[in-house]
């Protein structure tokens, strides 16, 4: 199984290749959400090798488990 870190590293390398090896060009990439439909890149938010929302799933799981616990205690 491929780890999240390995996937992010692979995406980062792809972005570096796409930008001719320039870290500055990767950081300033224009293929993000405001790009035209023909130049958007689905990997754009991961281009820096980081997950922009790493704790979202954990937060949702915590909220759901807290709500379930509260319902169980009330019922």
PDB file of N, CA and C in Angstrom:
ATOM      1  N   UNK A   1       0.834  -1.175   0.000  1.00  0.00           N
ATOM      2  CA  UNK A   1       0.000   0.000   0.000  1.00  0.00           C
ATOM      3  C   UNK A   1       0.881   1.242   0.000  1.00  0.00           C
ATOM      4  N   UNK A   2       0.512   2.209  -0.802  1.00  0.00           N
ATOM      5  CA  UNK A   2       1.271   3.445  -0.903  1.00  0.00           C
ATOM      6  C   UNK A   2       0.855   4.408   0.206  1.00  0.00           C
ATOM      7  N   UNK A   3       1.842   5.003   0.840  1.00  0.00           N
ATOM      8  CA  UNK A   3       1.539   5.918   1.933  1.00  0.00           C
ATOM      9  C   UNK A   3       1.153   7.296   1.390  1.00  0.00           C
ATOM     10  N   UNK A   4       0.481   8.063   2.223  1.00  0.00           N
ATOM     11  CA  UNK A   4       0.078   9.421   1.856  1.00  0.00           C
ATOM     12  C   UNK A   4       1.309  10.272   1.550  1.00  0.00           C
ATOM     13  N   UNK A   5       2.357  10.098   2.337  1.00  0.00           N
ATOM     14  CA  UNK A   5       3.591  10.854   2.128  1.00  0.00           C
ATOM     15  C   UNK A   5       4.192  10.546   0.762  1.00  0.00           C
ATOM     16  N   UNK A   6       4.197   9.271   0.393  1.00  0.00           N
ATOM     17  CA  UNK A   6       4.743   8.868  -0.908  1.00  0.00           C
ATOM     18  C   UNK A   6       3.922   9.479  -2.047  1.00  0.00           C
ATOM     19  N   UNK A   7       2.599   9.476  -1.900  1.00  0.00           N
ATOM     20  CA  UNK A   7       1.744  10.078  -2.927  1.00  0.00           C
ATOM     21  C   UNK A   7       2.012  11.576  -3.066  1.00  0.00           C
ATOM     22  N   UNK A   8       2.122  12.270  -1.938  1.00  0.00           N
ATOM     23  CA  UNK A   8       2.389  13.709  -1.978  1.00  0.00           C
ATOM     24  C   UNK A   8       3.761  13.999  -2.587  1.00  0.00           C
ATOM     25  N   UNK A   9       4.748  13.176  -2.283  1.00  0.00           N
ATOM     26  CA  UNK A   9       6.079  13.338  -2.882  1.00  0.00           C
ATOM     27  C   UNK A   9       6.031  13.128  -4.385  1.00  0.00           C
ATOM     28  N   UNK A  10       5.260  12.144  -4.839  1.00  0.00           N
ATOM     29  CA  UNK A  10       5.131  11.862  -6.263  1.00  0.00           C
ATOM     30  C   UNK A  10       4.458  13.025  -6.983  1.00  0.00           C
ATOM     31  N   UNK A  11       3.418  13.588  -6.374  1.00  0.00           N
ATOM     32  CA  UNK A  11       2.742  14.744  -6.964  1.00  0.00           C
ATOM     33  C   UNK A  11       3.701  15.926  -7.036  1.00  0.00           C
ATOM     34  N   UNK A  12       4.453  16.137  -5.988  1.00  0.00           N
ATOM     35  CA  UNK A  12       5.433  17.232  -5.952  1.00  0.00           C
ATOM     36  C   UNK A  12       6.444  17.077  -7.090  1.00  0.00           C
ATOM     37  N   UNK A  13       6.939  15.870  -7.297  1.00  0.00           N
ATOM     38  CA  UNK A  13       7.892  15.620  -8.383  1.00  0.00           C
ATOM     39  C   UNK A  13       7.260  15.867  -9.749  1.00  0.00           C
ATOM     40  N   UNK A  14       5.996  15.467  -9.907  1.00  0.00           N
ATOM     41  CA  UNK A  14       5.279  15.723 -11.165  1.00  0.00           C
ATOM     42  C   UNK A  14       5.211  17.228 -11.429  1.00  0.00           C
ATOM     43  N   UNK A  15       4.871  17.991 -10.388  1.00  0.00           N
ATOM     44  CA  UNK A  15       4.763  19.439 -10.531  1.00  0.00           C
ATOM     45  C   UNK A  15       6.112  20.075 -10.870  1.00  0.00           C
ATOM     46  N   UNK A  16       7.165  19.586 -10.235  1.00  0.00           N
ATOM     47  CA  UNK A  16       8.502  20.092 -10.561  1.00  0.00           C
ATOM     48  C   UNK A  16       8.858  19.804 -12.020  1.00  0.00           C
ATOM     49  N   UNK A  17       8.533  18.607 -12.490  1.00  0.00           N
ATOM     50  CA  UNK A  17       8.791  18.270 -13.893  1.00  0.00           C
ATOM     51  C   UNK A  17       7.977  19.159 -14.821  1.00  0.00           C
ATOM     52  N   UNK A  18       6.712  19.390 -14.480  1.00  0.00           N
ATOM     53  CA  UNK A  18       5.826  20.220 -15.296  1.00  0.00           C
ATOM     54  C   UNK A  18       6.346  21.655 -15.403  1.00  0.00           C
ATOM     55  N   UNK A  19       6.964  22.143 -14.325  1.00  0.00           N
ATOM     56  CA  UNK A  19       7.460  23.522 -14.272  1.00  0.00           C
ATOM     57  C   UNK A  19       8.950  23.622 -14.590  1.00  0.00           C
ATOM     58  N   UNK A  20       9.498  22.618 -15.225  1.00  0.00           N
ATOM     59  CA  UNK A  20      10.892  22.667 -15.640  1.00  0.00           C
ATOM     60  C   UNK A  20      11.884  22.659 -14.493  1.00  0.00           C
ATOM     61  N   UNK A  21      11.480  22.101 -13.346  1.00  0.00           N
ATOM     62  CA  UNK A  21      12.380  21.991 -12.209  1.00  0.00           C
ATOM     63  C   UNK A  21      12.450  23.230 -11.336  1.00  0.00           C
ATOM     64  N   UNK A  22      11.617  24.228 -11.617  1.00  0.00           N
ATOM     65  CA  UNK A  22      11.655  25.481 -10.869  1.00  0.00           C
ATOM     66  C   UNK A  22      10.695  25.450  -9.683  1.00  0.00           C
ATOM     67  N   UNK A  23      11.244  25.514  -8.467  1.00  0.00           N
ATOM     68  CA  UNK A  23      10.413  25.553  -7.261  1.00  0.00           C
ATOM     69  C   UNK A  23       9.537  26.802  -7.237  1.00  0.00           C
ATOM     70  N   UNK A  24      10.089  27.906  -7.706  1.00  0.00           N
ATOM     71  CA  UNK A  24       9.323  29.153  -7.733  1.00  0.00           C
ATOM     72  C   UNK A  24       8.114  29.046  -8.663  1.00  0.00           C
ATOM     73  N   UNK A  25       8.302  28.408  -9.806  1.00  0.00           N
ATOM     74  CA  UNK A  25       7.190  28.236 -10.746  1.00  0.00           C
ATOM     75  C   UNK A  25       6.118  27.298 -10.184  1.00  0.00           C
ATOM     76  N   UNK A  26       6.535  26.289  -9.418  1.00  0.00           N
ATOM     77  CA  UNK A  26       5.560  25.389  -8.781  1.00  0.00           C
ATOM     78  C   UNK A  26       4.726  26.189  -7.781  1.00  0.00           C
ATOM     79  N   UNK A  27       5.381  27.016  -6.969  1.00  0.00           N
ATOM     80  CA  UNK A  27       4.672  27.817  -5.973  1.00  0.00           C
ATOM     81  C   UNK A  27       3.717  28.811  -6.622  1.00  0.00           C
ATOM     82  N   UNK A  28       4.091  29.342  -7.777  1.00  0.00           N
ATOM     83  CA  UNK A  28       3.282  30.347  -8.463  1.00  0.00           C
ATOM     84  C   UNK A  28       2.453  29.772  -9.602  1.00  0.00           C
ATOM     85  N   UNK A  29       2.258  28.491  -9.601  1.00  0.00           N
ATOM     86  CA  UNK A  29       1.519  27.800 -10.663  1.00  0.00           C
ATOM     87  C   UNK A  29       0.144  28.425 -10.869  1.00  0.00           C
ATOM     88  N   UNK A  30      -0.216  28.625 -12.132  1.00  0.00           N
ATOM     89  CA  UNK A  30      -1.488  29.260 -12.471  1.00  0.00           C
ATOM     90  C   UNK A  30      -2.564  28.263 -12.868  1.00  0.00           C
ATOM     91  N   UNK A  31      -2.339  26.984 -12.644  1.00  0.00           N
ATOM     92  CA  UNK A  31      -3.297  25.950 -13.049  1.00  0.00           C
ATOM     93  C   UNK A  31      -4.285  25.621 -11.932  1.00  0.00           C
ATOM     94  N   UNK A  32      -4.476  26.553 -11.012  1.00  0.00           N
ATOM     95  CA  UNK A  32      -5.347  26.329  -9.861  1.00  0.00           C
ATOM     96  C   UNK A  32      -6.815  26.550 -10.140  1.00  0.00           C
ATOM     97  N   UNK A  33      -7.595  26.772  -9.106  1.00  0.00           N
ATOM     98  CA  UNK A  33      -9.047  26.857  -9.224  1.00  0.00           C
ATOM     99  C   UNK A  33      -9.541  28.005 -10.106  1.00  0.00           C
ATOM    100  N   UNK A  34      -8.742  29.056 -10.262  1.00  0.00           N
ATOM    101  CA  UNK A  34      -9.161  30.195 -11.082  1.00  0.00           C
ATOM    102  C   UNK A  34      -8.733  30.073 -12.534  1.00  0.00           C
ATOM    103  N   UNK A  35      -8.092  28.989 -12.892  1.00  0.00           N
ATOM    104  CA  UNK A  35      -7.609  28.783 -14.255  1.00  0.00           C
ATOM    105  C   UNK A  35      -8.769  28.457 -15.194  1.00  0.00           C
ATOM    106  N   UNK A  36      -8.516  28.609 -16.479  1.00  0.00           N
ATOM    107  CA  UNK A  36      -9.544  28.248 -17.459  1.00  0.00           C
ATOM    108  C   UNK A  36      -9.763  26.737 -17.414  1.00  0.00           C
ATOM    109  N   UNK A  37     -10.927  26.281 -17.858  1.00  0.00           N
ATOM    110  CA  UNK A  37     -11.227  24.841 -17.790  1.00  0.00           C
ATOM    111  C   UNK A  37     -10.194  23.957 -18.493  1.00  0.00           C
ATOM    112  N   UNK A  38      -9.499  24.503 -19.473  1.00  0.00           N
ATOM    113  CA  UNK A  38      -8.543  23.713 -20.239  1.00  0.00           C
ATOM    114  C   UNK A  38      -7.151  23.687 -19.617  1.00  0.00           C
ATOM    115  N   UNK A  39      -6.916  24.520 -18.619  1.00  0.00           N
ATOM    116  CA  UNK A  39      -5.586  24.528 -18.008  1.00  0.00           C
ATOM    117  C   UNK A  39      -5.608  24.210 -16.510  1.00  0.00           C
ATOM    118  N   UNK A  40      -6.762  23.825 -15.970  1.00  0.00           N
ATOM    119  CA  UNK A  40      -6.819  23.443 -14.556  1.00  0.00           C
ATOM    120  C   UNK A  40      -6.100  22.121 -14.340  1.00  0.00           C
ATOM    121  N   UNK A  41      -5.498  22.003 -13.181  1.00  0.00           N
ATOM    122  CA  UNK A  41      -4.812  20.768 -12.812  1.00  0.00           C
ATOM    123  C   UNK A  41      -5.426  20.229 -11.527  1.00  0.00           C
ATOM    124  N   UNK A  42      -5.836  18.977 -11.549  1.00  0.00           N
ATOM    125  CA  UNK A  42      -6.463  18.382 -10.361  1.00  0.00           C
ATOM    126  C   UNK A  42      -5.468  18.184  -9.219  1.00  0.00           C
ATOM    127  N   UNK A  43      -4.191  18.268  -9.524  1.00  0.00           N
ATOM    128  CA  UNK A  43      -3.156  18.092  -8.497  1.00  0.00           C
ATOM    129  C   UNK A  43      -2.707  19.418  -7.884  1.00  0.00           C
ATOM    130  N   UNK A  44      -3.256  20.530  -8.367  1.00  0.00           N
ATOM    131  CA  UNK A  44      -2.780  21.863  -7.988  1.00  0.00           C
ATOM    132  C   UNK A  44      -2.698  22.068  -6.480  1.00  0.00           C
ATOM    133  N   UNK A  45      -3.738  21.689  -5.730  1.00  0.00           N
ATOM    134  CA  UNK A  45      -3.717  21.959  -4.290  1.00  0.00           C
ATOM    135  C   UNK A  45      -2.664  21.142  -3.541  1.00  0.00           C
ATOM    136  N   UNK A  46      -2.121  20.110  -4.185  1.00  0.00           N
ATOM    137  CA  UNK A  46      -1.091  19.275  -3.558  1.00  0.00           C
ATOM    138  C   UNK A  46       0.309  19.565  -4.109  1.00  0.00           C
ATOM    139  N   UNK A  47       0.442  20.604  -4.941  1.00  0.00           N
ATOM    140  CA  UNK A  47       1.692  20.884  -5.664  1.00  0.00           C
ATOM    141  C   UNK A  47       2.883  21.139  -4.756  1.00  0.00           C
ATOM    142  N   UNK A  48       2.631  21.605  -3.537  1.00  0.00           N
ATOM    143  CA  UNK A  48       3.725  21.901  -2.614  1.00  0.00           C
ATOM    144  C   UNK A  48       4.126  20.694  -1.777  1.00  0.00           C
ATOM    145  N   UNK A  49       3.511  19.545  -2.069  1.00  0.00           N
ATOM    146  CA  UNK A  49       3.851  18.323  -1.350  1.00  0.00           C
ATOM    147  C   UNK A  49       3.196  18.239   0.012  1.00  0.00           C
ATOM    148  N   UNK A  50       2.122  19.024   0.197  1.00  0.00           N
ATOM    149  CA  UNK A  50       1.414  19.038   1.478  1.00  0.00           C
ATOM    150  C   UNK A  50      -0.078  18.853   1.243  1.00  0.00           C
ATOM    151  N   UNK A  51      -0.729  18.246   2.201  1.00  0.00           N
ATOM    152  CA  UNK A  51      -2.181  18.116   2.180  1.00  0.00           C
ATOM    153  C   UNK A  51      -2.726  19.355   2.869  1.00  0.00           C
ATOM    154  N   UNK A  52      -3.478  20.174   2.145  1.00  0.00           N
ATOM    155  CA  UNK A  52      -3.963  21.433   2.682  1.00  0.00           C
ATOM    156  C   UNK A  52      -5.014  21.260   3.778  1.00  0.00           C
ATOM    157  N   UNK A  53      -5.661  20.112   3.822  1.00  0.00           N
ATOM    158  CA  UNK A  53      -6.700  19.862   4.822  1.00  0.00           C
ATOM    159  C   UNK A  53      -6.433  18.529   5.526  1.00  0.00           C
ATOM    160  N   UNK A  54      -5.296  18.402   6.192  1.00  0.00           N
ATOM    161  CA  UNK A  54      -4.913  17.096   6.739  1.00  0.00           C
ATOM    162  C   UNK A  54      -5.804  16.585   7.862  1.00  0.00           C
ATOM    163  N   UNK A  55      -6.427  17.476   8.602  1.00  0.00           N
ATOM    164  CA  UNK A  55      -7.195  17.042   9.766  1.00  0.00           C
ATOM    165  C   UNK A  55      -8.699  17.074   9.540  1.00  0.00           C
ATOM    166  N   UNK A  56      -9.135  17.328   8.327  1.00  0.00           N
ATOM    167  CA  UNK A  56     -10.560  17.424   8.059  1.00  0.00           C
ATOM    168  C   UNK A  56     -11.280  16.135   8.406  1.00  0.00           C
ATOM    169  N   UNK A  57     -10.752  14.998   7.953  1.00  0.00           N
ATOM    170  CA  UNK A  57     -11.393  13.722   8.236  1.00  0.00           C
ATOM    171  C   UNK A  57     -11.403  13.442   9.742  1.00  0.00           C
ATOM    172  N   UNK A  58     -10.293  13.723  10.400  1.00  0.00           N
ATOM    173  CA  UNK A  58     -10.228  13.498  11.842  1.00  0.00           C
ATOM    174  C   UNK A  58     -11.242  14.378  12.578  1.00  0.00           C
ATOM    175  N   UNK A  59     -11.376  15.625  12.133  1.00  0.00           N
ATOM    176  CA  UNK A  59     -12.335  16.528  12.755  1.00  0.00           C
ATOM    177  C   UNK A  59     -13.757  16.030  12.558  1.00  0.00           C
ATOM    178  N   UNK A  60     -14.075  15.600  11.340  1.00  0.00           N
ATOM    179  CA  UNK A  60     -15.418  15.087  11.063  1.00  0.00           C
ATOM    180  C   UNK A  60     -15.702  13.832  11.874  1.00  0.00           C
ATOM    181  N   UNK A  61     -14.717  12.950  11.992  1.00  0.00           N
ATOM    182  CA  UNK A  61     -14.894  11.738  12.797  1.00  0.00           C
ATOM    183  C   UNK A  61     -15.135  12.097  14.257  1.00  0.00           C
ATOM    184  N   UNK A  62     -14.409  13.085  14.767  1.00  0.00           N
ATOM    185  CA  UNK A  62     -14.571  13.509  16.150  1.00  0.00           C
ATOM    186  C   UNK A  62     -15.968  14.096  16.370  1.00  0.00           C
ATOM    187  N   UNK A  63     -16.406  14.948  15.454  1.00  0.00           N
ATOM    188  CA  UNK A  63     -17.739  15.548  15.563  1.00  0.00           C
ATOM    189  C   UNK A  63     -18.796  14.458  15.533  1.00  0.00           C
ATOM    190  N   UNK A  64     -18.681  13.533  14.590  1.00  0.00           N
ATOM    191  CA  UNK A  64     -19.666  12.455  14.476  1.00  0.00           C
ATOM    192  C   UNK A  64     -19.680  11.582  15.728  1.00  0.00           C
ATOM    193  N   UNK A  65     -18.516  11.234  16.241  1.00  0.00           N
ATOM    194  CA  UNK A  65     -18.480  10.371  17.428  1.00  0.00           C
ATOM    195  C   UNK A  65     -19.002  11.121  18.647  1.00  0.00           C
ATOM    196  N   UNK A  66     -18.753  12.424  18.722  1.00  0.00           N
ATOM    197  CA  UNK A  66     -19.252  13.232  19.828  1.00  0.00           C
ATOM    198  C   UNK A  66     -20.772  13.317  19.769  1.00  0.00           C
ATOM    199  N   UNK A  67     -21.316  13.511  18.568  1.00  0.00           N
ATOM    200  CA  UNK A  67     -22.764  13.581  18.403  1.00  0.00           C
ATOM    201  C   UNK A  67     -23.405  12.236  18.756  1.00  0.00           C
ATOM    202  N   UNK A  68     -22.781  11.156  18.316  1.00  0.00           N
ATOM    203  CA  UNK A  68     -23.319   9.837  18.618  1.00  0.00           C
ATOM    204  C   UNK A  68     -23.281   9.553  20.115  1.00  0.00           C
ATOM    205  N   UNK A  69     -22.213   9.980  20.775  1.00  0.00           N
ATOM    206  CA  UNK A  69     -22.083   9.785  22.217  1.00  0.00           C
ATOM    207  C   UNK A  69     -23.160  10.591  22.951  1.00  0.00           C
ATOM    208  N   UNK A  70     -23.383  11.828  22.497  1.00  0.00           N
ATOM    209  CA  UNK A  70     -24.390  12.679  23.132  1.00  0.00           C
ATOM    210  C   UNK A  70     -25.775  12.097  22.947  1.00  0.00           C
ATOM    211  N   UNK A  71     -26.056  11.567  21.763  1.00  0.00           N
ATOM    212  CA  UNK A  71     -27.359  10.942  21.495  1.00  0.00           C
ATOM    213  C   UNK A  71     -27.524   9.712  22.359  1.00  0.00           C
ATOM    214  N   UNK A  72     -26.475   8.910  22.486  1.00  0.00           N
ATOM    215  CA  UNK A  72     -26.536   7.679  23.290  1.00  0.00           C
ATOM    216  C   UNK A  72     -26.780   8.007  24.765  1.00  0.00           C
ATOM    217  N   UNK A  73     -26.166   9.098  25.246  1.00  0.00           N
ATOM    218  CA  UNK A  73     -26.331   9.467  26.642  1.00  0.00           C
ATOM    219  C   UNK A  73     -27.733  10.029  26.913  1.00  0.00           C
ATOM    220  N   UNK A  74     -28.296  10.727  25.920  1.00  0.00           N
ATOM    221  CA  UNK A  74     -29.630  11.292  26.063  1.00  0.00           C
ATOM    222  C   UNK A  74     -30.711  10.232  25.975  1.00  0.00           C
ATOM    223  N   UNK A  75     -30.461   9.196  25.178  1.00  0.00           N
ATOM    224  CA  UNK A  75     -31.486   8.180  24.901  1.00  0.00           C
ATOM    225  C   UNK A  75     -31.533   7.138  25.915  1.00  0.00           C
TER     226      UNK A  75
END
